[in-house]
Amino acid sequence: MSKQSFPTGHTQQPGGAAPEDAAAAAPGAPRGAVEAPLHERIAAQVRAAIIRGDHPPGAKLPTEAELAARHGAGRGTVRAALRALEAEGLVASRRGSGRVVLGNRASQSFDELRSFAQWARAAGHAPGGLFVSRVRRVAQAPEAAALALQPGAEVLHTVRLRTLDQIPIFVERCTYPGWLADTIAALDPDCPSVTAEVRRVTGLVAVNGVHTLDVTRADAVDSELLGVAVGDPVLRRRAVTRSAGGVPLDYSDDHYAEGAASFTLHNSASANVLSRFLHPLRLP
């Protein structure tokens, strides 16, 4: 099973095309195809080298200066490419050691809020989405609490199958406040990125999210869409994303097929209040 994972955060910037909507031109692509930005192409090449085993887990990556010279790019461009690989959980920065390879399978890091489509495309995959249902109803208690709504408030509840390279990955159950209902209800059934469309139509951008992971049992909807048996354990991710002003934009309750997803969380002793008691050690 793949160790990849796909959150539904939002990181688009207002104005212009959303980054996740940029299509990379493959070799031999038709004239007029859009070429991916240089930092994405550098990230793709380094990612491929890691997956091939050219840089095994624990190995140091070439320095920023070496990668810049190799790809004819500036240090800032290389740094952006490496940040993408860090967000995927492939590499990590080590003080005094540069960047070290963590593994050869990408997983989504919670260090950065990114949408499923944006992460998947940056990792070289084709994301997909299909609305199974969109229903206006009264908010249930957990939804009202997550979205800071009054009891009895109307919401739009959606069920959506998310795929990666046409393979079912997870069932997304997302609840939107009533004031966003018309926008979501008007989207195409196979809209690949609700995040991008909401940004395009409303200008809204979510800048932070709170995620909760646990394990639950697959229900009939999961069984039908993911091909699992009712009662099988599935990874559950609940999340609330908010605008810069702190307004909740959506509440998601996602169920992932077994082995389809993993998430990473990077932390450091330097961010801990006890770090002042740490002393550097000389290691071989």
Protein backbone atom coordinates (compact mmCIF):
# COMPACT_ATOMS: atom_id res chain seq x y z
CA MET A 1 0.00 0.00 0.00
CA SER A 2 1.10 3.56 -0.67
CA LYS A 3 2.20 5.79 2.18
CA GLN A 4 0.87 8.91 0.53
CA SER A 5 -1.70 11.11 2.11
CA PHE A 6 -4.00 13.86 1.10
CA PRO A 7 -5.42 16.57 3.34
CA THR A 8 -8.12 19.03 2.40
CA GLY A 9 -6.66 22.34 3.56
CA HIS A 10 -6.52 25.57 1.57
CA THR A 11 -3.47 27.58 0.59
CA GLN A 12 -4.40 29.47 -2.58
CA GLN A 13 -3.56 33.15 -2.76
CA PRO A 14 -6.13 35.72 -3.79
CA GLY A 15 -6.07 36.82 -7.40
CA GLY A 16 -4.84 34.93 -10.46
CA ALA A 17 -4.94 31.21 -11.04
CA ALA A 18 -4.62 28.95 -8.05
CA PRO A 19 -1.24 27.20 -7.81
CA GLU A 20 -2.93 23.81 -7.81
CA ASP A 21 -4.61 24.62 -11.13
CA ALA A 22 -1.31 24.96 -12.97
CA ALA A 23 -0.82 21.96 -15.27
CA ALA A 24 2.74 20.78 -15.84
CA ALA A 25 3.66 20.07 -19.44
CA ALA A 26 5.05 16.59 -19.85
CA PRO A 27 7.72 15.87 -22.46
CA GLY A 28 6.06 15.83 -25.85
CA ALA A 29 3.01 17.70 -24.59
CA PRO A 30 0.98 19.61 -27.19
CA ARG A 31 2.05 23.11 -28.08
CA GLY A 32 0.49 25.60 -25.71
CA ALA A 33 0.64 23.30 -22.68
CA VAL A 34 1.63 25.13 -19.53
CA GLU A 35 5.04 24.23 -18.13
CA ALA A 36 5.27 23.77 -14.39
CA PRO A 37 7.24 26.41 -12.44
CA LEU A 38 10.95 25.71 -12.12
CA HIS A 39 10.79 24.95 -8.39
CA GLU A 40 8.16 22.25 -9.04
CA ARG A 41 10.32 20.69 -11.77
CA ILE A 42 13.34 20.66 -9.46
CA ALA A 43 11.22 19.10 -6.71
CA ALA A 44 9.99 16.45 -9.16
CA GLN A 45 13.54 15.50 -10.17
CA VAL A 46 14.82 15.31 -6.59
CA ARG A 47 11.70 13.36 -5.57
CA ALA A 48 12.27 10.86 -8.38
CA ALA A 49 15.91 10.43 -7.33
CA ILE A 50 14.84 9.70 -3.76
CA ILE A 51 12.21 7.18 -4.85
CA ARG A 52 14.76 5.46 -7.13
CA GLY A 53 17.08 5.08 -4.17
CA ASP A 54 19.77 7.49 -5.39
CA HIS A 55 19.47 9.17 -1.98
CA PRO A 56 18.56 6.46 0.58
CA PRO A 57 16.97 7.24 3.97
CA GLY A 58 19.50 8.90 6.24
CA ALA A 59 21.59 10.26 3.36
CA LYS A 60 22.29 13.94 2.91
CA LEU A 61 20.90 15.70 -0.12
CA PRO A 62 23.16 17.89 -2.26
CA THR A 63 23.43 21.38 -0.83
CA GLU A 64 21.27 24.25 -2.04
CA ALA A 65 24.28 25.68 -3.87
CA GLU A 66 24.95 22.35 -5.61
CA LEU A 67 21.32 21.95 -6.65
CA ALA A 68 21.17 25.56 -7.84
CA ALA A 69 24.21 25.03 -10.06
CA ARG A 70 22.90 21.69 -11.34
CA HIS A 71 19.51 23.12 -12.34
CA GLY A 72 20.57 26.62 -13.34
CA ALA A 73 18.34 28.14 -10.68
CA GLY A 74 18.60 30.64 -7.87
CA ARG A 75 18.96 29.57 -4.25
CA GLY A 76 15.43 30.83 -3.50
CA THR A 77 13.96 28.61 -6.22
CA VAL A 78 15.83 25.57 -4.91
CA ARG A 79 14.73 26.37 -1.38
CA ALA A 80 11.08 26.42 -2.51
CA ALA A 81 11.54 23.00 -4.13
CA LEU A 82 13.07 21.56 -0.97
CA ARG A 83 10.29 23.00 1.18
CA ALA A 84 7.80 21.06 -0.95
CA LEU A 85 9.73 17.83 -0.32
CA GLU A 86 9.83 18.62 3.40
CA ALA A 87 6.04 19.10 3.36
CA GLU A 88 5.71 15.66 1.76
CA GLY A 89 7.75 14.08 4.55
CA LEU A 90 10.57 13.00 2.23
CA VAL A 91 13.33 15.20 3.68
CA ALA A 92 13.99 17.23 6.80
CA SER A 93 16.37 20.01 7.73
CA ARG A 94 19.04 19.17 10.29
CA ARG A 95 20.98 21.99 11.86
CA GLY A 96 24.58 21.69 10.78
CA SER A 97 23.82 18.77 8.44
CA GLY A 98 21.75 20.33 5.68
CA ARG A 99 18.79 18.30 4.48
CA VAL A 100 18.53 14.60 5.22
CA VAL A 101 16.33 12.02 3.48
CA LEU A 102 13.66 10.63 5.81
CA GLY A 103 12.20 8.00 3.51
CA ASN A 104 11.23 7.22 -0.06
CA ARG A 105 7.46 7.42 0.23
CA ALA A 106 5.65 10.73 0.37
CA SER A 107 3.26 11.49 3.19
CA GLN A 108 1.48 14.72 3.90
CA SER A 109 2.94 16.89 6.59
CA PHE A 110 0.71 18.89 8.92
CA ASP A 111 3.40 21.59 8.97
CA GLU A 112 1.72 23.15 5.94
CA LEU A 113 -1.97 23.58 5.13
CA ARG A 114 -2.48 22.29 1.60
CA SER A 115 -5.47 21.00 -0.30
CA PHE A 116 -5.68 17.42 -1.54
CA ALA A 117 -5.50 18.57 -5.16
CA GLN A 118 -2.58 20.90 -4.57
CA TRP A 119 -0.57 18.29 -2.71
CA ALA A 120 -1.33 15.53 -5.23
CA ARG A 121 -0.38 17.62 -8.26
CA ALA A 122 2.80 18.84 -6.60
CA ALA A 123 3.70 15.19 -5.99
CA GLY A 124 3.13 14.33 -9.66
CA HIS A 125 -0.28 12.65 -9.32
CA ALA A 126 -3.72 13.31 -10.81
CA PRO A 127 -6.33 14.12 -8.14
CA GLY A 128 -10.01 13.63 -8.70
CA GLY A 129 -13.28 14.30 -6.94
CA LEU A 130 -16.91 13.31 -7.51
CA PHE A 131 -19.86 14.63 -5.52
CA VAL A 132 -22.06 11.72 -4.50
CA SER A 133 -24.57 13.91 -2.66
CA ARG A 134 -25.16 17.54 -1.68
CA VAL A 135 -27.92 18.06 0.87
CA ARG A 136 -29.15 21.19 2.65
CA ARG A 137 -30.21 20.39 6.20
CA VAL A 138 -30.03 21.53 9.80
CA ALA A 139 -26.55 21.32 11.31
CA GLN A 140 -25.93 18.40 13.63
CA ALA A 141 -24.40 19.20 17.01
CA PRO A 142 -20.73 18.45 16.10
CA GLU A 143 -21.08 20.44 12.87
CA ALA A 144 -22.66 23.45 14.59
CA ALA A 145 -19.93 23.44 17.21
CA ALA A 146 -17.13 23.15 14.64
CA LEU A 147 -18.57 25.89 12.43
CA ALA A 148 -19.59 28.19 15.31
CA LEU A 149 -23.23 28.12 14.24
CA GLN A 150 -26.40 28.60 16.23
CA PRO A 151 -28.56 25.50 16.88
CA GLY A 152 -30.92 24.95 13.96
CA ALA A 153 -28.70 26.76 11.44
CA GLU A 154 -28.81 25.52 7.87
CA VAL A 155 -25.73 23.88 6.35
CA LEU A 156 -24.82 22.10 3.15
CA HIS A 157 -23.57 18.58 3.75
CA THR A 158 -21.64 16.92 0.93
CA VAL A 159 -20.32 13.42 0.35
CA ARG A 160 -17.52 13.21 -2.20
CA LEU A 161 -15.26 10.42 -3.45
CA ARG A 162 -11.64 11.49 -3.77
CA THR A 163 -9.31 9.63 -6.10
CA LEU A 164 -5.62 9.65 -6.90
CA ASP A 165 -4.65 8.58 -10.42
CA GLN A 166 -8.26 7.30 -10.68
CA ILE A 167 -7.85 5.05 -7.62
CA PRO A 168 -10.38 5.62 -4.78
CA ILE A 169 -8.54 6.98 -1.74
CA PHE A 170 -11.04 8.42 0.70
CA VAL A 171 -14.63 9.49 1.22
CA GLU A 172 -14.87 13.16 2.08
CA ARG A 173 -17.86 14.24 4.16
CA CYS A 174 -17.75 18.01 4.29
CA THR A 175 -20.19 20.43 5.90
CA TYR A 176 -20.33 24.08 4.84
CA PRO A 177 -22.11 26.99 6.56
CA GLY A 178 -25.30 28.19 4.89
CA TRP A 179 -23.70 31.31 3.48
CA LEU A 180 -21.38 29.10 1.37
CA ALA A 181 -24.09 26.63 0.35
CA ASP A 182 -25.02 28.23 -3.00
CA THR A 183 -21.37 28.37 -4.09
CA ILE A 184 -20.74 24.69 -3.32
CA ALA A 185 -24.08 23.55 -4.74
CA ALA A 186 -23.30 25.21 -8.07
CA LEU A 187 -19.98 23.40 -8.61
CA ASP A 188 -19.64 20.71 -11.27
CA PRO A 189 -20.20 17.18 -9.89
CA ASP A 190 -16.65 16.18 -10.87
CA CYS A 191 -14.99 19.42 -9.73
CA PRO A 192 -11.38 18.38 -8.99
CA SER A 193 -10.76 21.13 -6.43
CA VAL A 194 -13.49 22.74 -4.35
CA THR A 195 -10.75 24.75 -2.66
CA ALA A 196 -9.67 26.39 -5.90
CA GLU A 197 -13.23 27.08 -7.03
CA VAL A 198 -14.24 28.65 -3.73
CA ARG A 199 -11.17 30.87 -3.90
CA ARG A 200 -11.94 31.81 -7.50
CA VAL A 201 -15.61 32.60 -6.89
CA THR A 202 -15.49 34.16 -3.42
CA GLY A 203 -11.85 35.10 -2.86
CA LEU A 204 -11.90 33.17 0.42
CA VAL A 205 -8.67 31.54 1.52
CA ALA A 206 -8.31 29.32 4.59
CA VAL A 207 -5.09 30.03 6.42
CA ASN A 208 -5.21 27.58 9.31
CA GLY A 209 -6.71 24.25 10.21
CA VAL A 210 -7.19 21.94 13.17
CA HIS A 211 -6.92 18.20 12.46
CA THR A 212 -7.94 15.21 14.54
CA LEU A 213 -6.92 11.65 13.59
CA ASP A 214 -8.42 8.45 14.88
CA VAL A 215 -9.71 5.09 13.68
CA THR A 216 -13.37 4.30 13.05
CA ARG A 217 -15.42 1.62 11.31
CA ALA A 218 -16.42 1.75 7.67
CA ASP A 219 -20.11 2.36 7.03
CA ALA A 220 -22.24 1.47 4.03
CA VAL A 221 -21.13 4.54 2.08
CA ASP A 222 -17.46 3.73 2.65
CA SER A 223 -18.14 0.14 1.60
CA GLU A 224 -19.76 1.17 -1.66
CA LEU A 225 -17.24 3.83 -2.65
CA LEU A 226 -13.98 2.40 -1.31
CA GLY A 227 -14.67 -1.31 -1.76
CA VAL A 228 -14.15 -2.12 1.92
CA ALA A 229 -16.40 -4.25 4.11
CA VAL A 230 -18.82 -2.60 6.50
CA GLY A 231 -17.17 -2.60 9.90
CA ASP A 232 -13.60 -2.64 8.58
CA PRO A 233 -11.27 -0.20 10.36
CA VAL A 234 -10.63 3.01 8.41
CA LEU A 235 -8.46 6.01 9.16
CA ARG A 236 -10.58 9.00 10.07
CA ARG A 237 -9.49 12.62 9.77
CA ARG A 238 -11.67 15.43 11.04
CA ALA A 239 -10.68 18.99 10.26
CA VAL A 240 -11.91 22.55 10.55
CA THR A 241 -10.39 25.23 8.35
CA ARG A 242 -10.72 28.95 9.01
CA SER A 243 -10.17 32.23 7.20
CA ALA A 244 -7.61 34.82 8.22
CA GLY A 245 -10.33 36.42 10.33
CA GLY A 246 -10.97 33.17 12.19
CA VAL A 247 -14.28 32.40 10.45
CA PRO A 248 -14.85 28.63 10.02
CA LEU A 249 -15.19 27.75 6.34
CA ASP A 250 -15.78 24.00 6.45
CA TYR A 251 -15.87 20.97 8.69
CA SER A 252 -14.63 17.73 7.14
CA ASP A 253 -14.97 14.13 8.34
CA ASP A 254 -12.95 11.95 5.96
CA HIS A 255 -12.57 8.16 5.89
CA TYR A 256 -9.49 6.73 4.15
CA ALA A 257 -9.13 3.27 2.64
CA GLU A 258 -6.75 1.02 4.55
CA GLY A 259 -3.13 1.80 3.68
CA ALA A 260 -4.08 4.69 1.40
CA ALA A 261 -2.83 7.50 3.59
CA SER A 262 -0.27 8.52 6.16
CA PHE A 263 0.38 11.86 7.79
CA THR A 264 3.57 13.28 9.26
CA LEU A 265 4.15 15.82 11.98
CA HIS A 266 7.59 17.40 12.28
CA ASN A 267 8.60 18.75 15.65
CA SER A 268 11.81 19.90 17.21
CA ALA A 269 13.27 20.26 20.68
CA SER A 270 14.26 23.79 19.70
CA ALA A 271 10.58 24.73 19.76
CA ASN A 272 10.12 23.36 23.27
CA VAL A 273 10.39 25.50 26.38
CA LEU A 274 12.82 22.92 27.76
CA SER A 275 15.23 23.57 24.87
CA ARG A 276 17.18 26.02 26.99
CA PHE A 277 18.43 23.03 28.98
CA LEU A 278 19.79 21.28 25.90
CA HIS A 279 23.49 21.28 25.17
CA PRO A 280 25.08 20.50 21.80
CA LEU A 281 26.81 17.14 21.52
CA ARG A 282 29.56 16.12 19.17
CA LEU A 283 28.35 13.03 17.34
CA PRO A 284 30.43 10.83 15.04
